Amino acid sequence: MSGAGGGGRGSGVRRVAVLGAGPRALWAAECLADAAADITLDVFDPRPPGVGSAYAVDQPRHLRLNVTSAIVRTGLGAFDDWRRARGEGAELDPFPPRALVGAFLAHAWAAVAERLDVRHHAVAATAPRPEEGRWRVGGPDAAGELYDEVLLATGHESAWPGAWHHARPDAVPAFPVNGLTPERVPAGRPVAVRGTALTFIDAALSLTEGRGGRFTDAGYETGGAEPTIVPFSRHGRFMEPKPEPDGPLAALDLAEPRAAGAGAIASTPGSARCVAEAVRVTAQAYLRQAGGSGDVAAVLAGTDGSADPVADLRRSLAVVRGEERPHAPWAVGQAFRDLYPAIIASLSFERCPAGEWATFAALAATLERVAFGPPPVNAAKVLALVDAGVLAPPSRTEPAAEARVDAVIAPPGVVPGSLTAALVGRGIGRLASGRRGLRVGPDGGVPGWPGLAAVGRSTEDVVIGNDTLSRTLHDVVPRWAEKVSRDA
């Protein structure tokens, strides 16, 4: 149990449970504390509260934040201000270790626990059950207690039917990375890694830098304990690196085409076709403004690139460093990132007809590779590993190997076998038509089930873009907290 502020736990106090204790649970707790209502909060998660699975404070330092640190805020204020107050200096690494983000989130949790009557239950809760107008929540070995409000904030699912070990029992999950031991992934032997996205990079660095290897200005120096990493994926390509937030591309004046693209999306709410056209037009304008060249249509269709994924990554890294002229993958990725707030506002909460939704879903899946890739520092490390002969170019087919690592994580939405899926299986809530996520309203409420709400990955496609630490893209959590506080 932590925290003693707020009200007591007697009769008349509104009891709230949050299932999951990651960054969104922290945000929910802060909003409830700010409301100063007569509320008690119980949070259920085996992990320490506030940090979630991705930001554990004890994870290796080579696991970096994949978005700029400037977007991270809590009730304490800006993450970067907190870093400066700790003595990091004026020039901050924009992509710091995720463990440092975890320390900030943990500090924020400790602060909110001083303002709110909150208990942390270090267990995974079972699916809540309605009982006499309230919700019974407990751990796997307890009858549980009754709550007036329950918020599902379970985040990434650790198990799912598509996990590789179902087909390959010897496949080791890439996360948590402490499972990638020499016993399971032997040194000097080829290891097949399924997936070439961000989790693949975490795995590759854990099998190299995490085993004593070292990156220098000259490249990668082996430590002697590395396997030979052989990745594969459906497209057989690396992700495109993001530009540095203060790099040469950031100096471009893209305000006018960006505003025009956002305005076009806002003028036709709910139109996936309008979104696709706005991204195309904006990307072409960016390319012209930057003096670059390339086939925007090919990137949008996913047919860009050469037959050499290493050469493609090398060129893209040179582009974001300002060493080569901008190309179409940068322009499309930048346009999609810049228009994302407008896209979320236009298409979330099933504003897009189910028949048209597939247009956007296909576009988003294609553009994830170019819009939400690694920071330049990690792209450079991938290339250094290739140059050192430790990492093979990715292919589209599973290679022969003596060990296997699964770097494909569970998808967003209602995942079979999850707590949310158990609720839907009992008729509590339903999937939105043609979408992966649980149907919820703007305050996260599950229609027809008062007192039950959900935020985050389980609602993906209903709420778009949940994989973020940003508190400016969505307002579901503050709306939920306002509703709970109003009812208290």
Foldseek 3Di string as FASTA:
>chain_A
DFADAAADDDPPAAEEEEQFAEQLVLQLLVLLLVLSFRYEYEYEALDDHQHGQQQALPADFVAKAFAFQQQFAHPVGGLVVVVVVVPPDDDDDRIGGSSSVSVVRNVSSNVSSHRHNYHYHNARKFQWDDDPQWTFIDHPPDRGDTGNFYEYEHAFDFDFPPFCCVVVVLAAACPPVVRVDCVSVPFAWEAEEEDQASSVLSSQCCQFVVVPWDQDPVFIRGPRGHYQYAYAYQLLAHFFAAADCPAPLVPQPLPVLLVVLLVQLLVQFQALVSNLVSLLVSLVVSLVSQVHEEDLVCLQVLNDDDPARLVVLVVSLCCSNVNDGDYNLQSSLVSCVSNVLSNLVRHAQNSHPLVRLVSNVVSCVSNCRSHRGGHSVSSRNVSSCVVVSRYDRYYHDTDDTDHYYYSDGDAFADGPPDSVVVCVVVVQFDDDRNDRATRADLLQHGPPRRNYGYDARNHDSNRHDRPDSRPPSGCNSSSVSVVSSVVD
